[in-house]
Each structure stands twice: as C-alpha cells, then as structure tokens.
Amino acid sequence: MSITEREKEVLYWASNGLSSKEIAHKIYISHYTVHDHLKSLRTKMNASNAAELVRRGFETGILSAQPTISNI
C-alpha cells in the first residue's frame, strides 16, 4: 500500500479529532484537498468511515502513539 507523506499527515490530524477544515488550516491546504486525501486513504485502506480509517492506521503502523510528522 502506497501512502504519501501528505496522506499520513492528514491521517495523523484526523486521528486527533480535527475536522477537514481544521486540518486544512493546520497544514495550509484547501479543505477540499483534505477531503480528497481522506477519500483516497479510505480507498487504499479499505475503510468505510473515519473511525475505521484511524483504526486501520494504527493496525498497519501508519499511525503510532508517538508523532512522527516533522512539522507538528
């Protein structure tokens, strides 16, 4: 599974409960782009909703208890 660094960043912030608009503001992109990243992630990770997406993120090791994104 090929997840981009930006998708990982979006997934990280989504896992912390931020909305698409909040994520967009945080990482300086359009909330439409955030929506597209989340949609792509749900497809790549076979997740039907945000909660399942976050769960799969932890299961696959994409997300961890320790932040790994350099610009947090």
C-alpha atoms as a PDB file:
ATOM      1  CA  MET A   1       0.000   0.000   0.000  1.00  0.00           C
ATOM      2  CA  SER A   2       1.471   3.311  -1.063  1.00  0.00           C
ATOM      3  CA  ILE A   3       0.538   6.149   1.309  1.00  0.00           C
ATOM      4  CA  THR A   4       2.021   9.588   0.621  1.00  0.00           C
ATOM      5  CA  GLU A   5       3.604  11.718   3.321  1.00  0.00           C
ATOM      6  CA  ARG A   6       0.764  14.235   2.968  1.00  0.00           C
ATOM      7  CA  GLU A   7      -1.825  11.471   3.393  1.00  0.00           C
ATOM      8  CA  LYS A   8      -0.009  10.329   6.535  1.00  0.00           C
ATOM      9  CA  GLU A   9      -0.096  13.881   7.827  1.00  0.00           C
ATOM     10  CA  VAL A  10      -3.822  14.224   7.118  1.00  0.00           C
ATOM     11  CA  LEU A  11      -4.472  10.849   8.752  1.00  0.00           C
ATOM     12  CA  TYR A  12      -2.475  11.889  11.823  1.00  0.00           C
ATOM     13  CA  TRP A  13      -4.521  15.061  12.307  1.00  0.00           C
ATOM     14  CA  ALA A  14      -7.784  13.228  11.602  1.00  0.00           C
ATOM     15  CA  SER A  15      -6.841  10.688  14.276  1.00  0.00           C
ATOM     16  CA  ASN A  16      -6.534  13.600  16.694  1.00  0.00           C
ATOM     17  CA  GLY A  17     -10.119  14.607  16.006  1.00  0.00           C
ATOM     18  CA  LEU A  18      -9.593  17.576  13.702  1.00  0.00           C
ATOM     19  CA  SER A  19     -12.208  18.316  11.041  1.00  0.00           C
ATOM     20  CA  SER A  20     -11.283  18.676   7.373  1.00  0.00           C
ATOM     21  CA  LYS A  21     -11.372  22.461   7.703  1.00  0.00           C
ATOM     22  CA  GLU A  22      -9.180  22.374  10.819  1.00  0.00           C
ATOM     23  CA  ILE A  23      -6.680  20.063   9.119  1.00  0.00           C
ATOM     24  CA  ALA A  24      -6.640  22.316   6.058  1.00  0.00           C
ATOM     25  CA  HIS A  25      -5.896  25.356   8.198  1.00  0.00           C
ATOM     26  CA  LYS A  26      -3.205  23.482  10.146  1.00  0.00           C
ATOM     27  CA  ILE A  27      -1.266  22.272   7.084  1.00  0.00           C
ATOM     28  CA  TYR A  28      -2.080  25.133   4.686  1.00  0.00           C
ATOM     29  CA  ILE A  29      -4.131  23.314   2.057  1.00  0.00           C
ATOM     30  CA  SER A  30      -7.737  23.524   0.898  1.00  0.00           C
ATOM     31  CA  HIS A  31     -10.342  21.592   2.882  1.00  0.00           C
ATOM     32  CA  TYR A  32     -11.362  20.098  -0.471  1.00  0.00           C
ATOM     33  CA  THR A  33      -7.839  18.686  -0.790  1.00  0.00           C
ATOM     34  CA  VAL A  34      -8.086  17.254   2.730  1.00  0.00           C
ATOM     35  CA  HIS A  35     -11.379  15.635   1.730  1.00  0.00           C
ATOM     36  CA  ASP A  36      -9.691  14.136  -1.358  1.00  0.00           C
ATOM     37  CA  HIS A  37      -6.805  12.769   0.751  1.00  0.00           C
ATOM     38  CA  LEU A  38      -9.227  11.178   3.216  1.00  0.00           C
ATOM     39  CA  LYS A  39     -11.238   9.648   0.368  1.00  0.00           C
ATOM     40  CA  SER A  40      -8.059   8.255  -1.167  1.00  0.00           C
ATOM     41  CA  LEU A  41      -6.977   6.858   2.198  1.00  0.00           C
ATOM     42  CA  ARG A  42     -10.353   5.175   2.750  1.00  0.00           C
ATOM     43  CA  THR A  43      -9.999   3.506  -0.652  1.00  0.00           C
ATOM     44  CA  LYS A  44      -6.379   2.458  -0.133  1.00  0.00           C
ATOM     45  CA  MET A  45      -7.045   1.156   3.372  1.00  0.00           C
ATOM     46  CA  ASN A  46     -10.467  -0.346   2.603  1.00  0.00           C
ATOM     47  CA  ALA A  47     -12.163   1.728   5.300  1.00  0.00           C
ATOM     48  CA  SER A  48     -15.794   2.794   5.105  1.00  0.00           C
ATOM     49  CA  ASN A  49     -15.606   5.703   7.575  1.00  0.00           C
ATOM     50  CA  ALA A  50     -13.181   7.862   9.551  1.00  0.00           C
ATOM     51  CA  ALA A  51     -13.189   5.685  12.664  1.00  0.00           C
ATOM     52  CA  GLU A  52     -12.317   2.590  10.649  1.00  0.00           C
ATOM     53  CA  LEU A  53      -9.660   4.560   8.786  1.00  0.00           C
ATOM     54  CA  VAL A  54      -7.972   5.588  12.042  1.00  0.00           C
ATOM     55  CA  ARG A  55      -8.217   2.046  13.414  1.00  0.00           C
ATOM     56  CA  ARG A  56      -6.583   0.648  10.286  1.00  0.00           C
ATOM     57  CA  GLY A  57      -3.930   3.356  10.532  1.00  0.00           C
ATOM     58  CA  PHE A  58      -2.908   2.032  13.947  1.00  0.00           C
ATOM     59  CA  GLU A  59      -3.196  -1.608  12.879  1.00  0.00           C
ATOM     60  CA  THR A  60      -0.891  -1.094   9.907  1.00  0.00           C
ATOM     61  CA  GLY A  61       1.597   1.023  11.833  1.00  0.00           C
ATOM     62  CA  ILE A  62       0.993   4.158   9.773  1.00  0.00           C
ATOM     63  CA  LEU A  63      -0.171   5.794  12.990  1.00  0.00           C
ATOM     64  CA  SER A  64       1.583   5.319  16.290  1.00  0.00           C
ATOM     65  CA  ALA A  65       1.291   6.651  19.807  1.00  0.00           C
ATOM     66  CA  GLN A  66       4.305   8.884  19.139  1.00  0.00           C
ATOM     67  CA  PRO A  67       4.030  11.618  16.471  1.00  0.00           C
ATOM     68  CA  THR A  68       6.446  11.150  13.575  1.00  0.00           C
ATOM     69  CA  ILE A  69       5.455  14.065  11.377  1.00  0.00           C
ATOM     70  CA  SER A  70       8.210  16.656  11.282  1.00  0.00           C
ATOM     71  CA  ASN A  71       6.040  19.777  11.205  1.00  0.00           C
ATOM     72  CA  ILE A  72       3.615  19.002  14.030  1.00  0.00           C
END
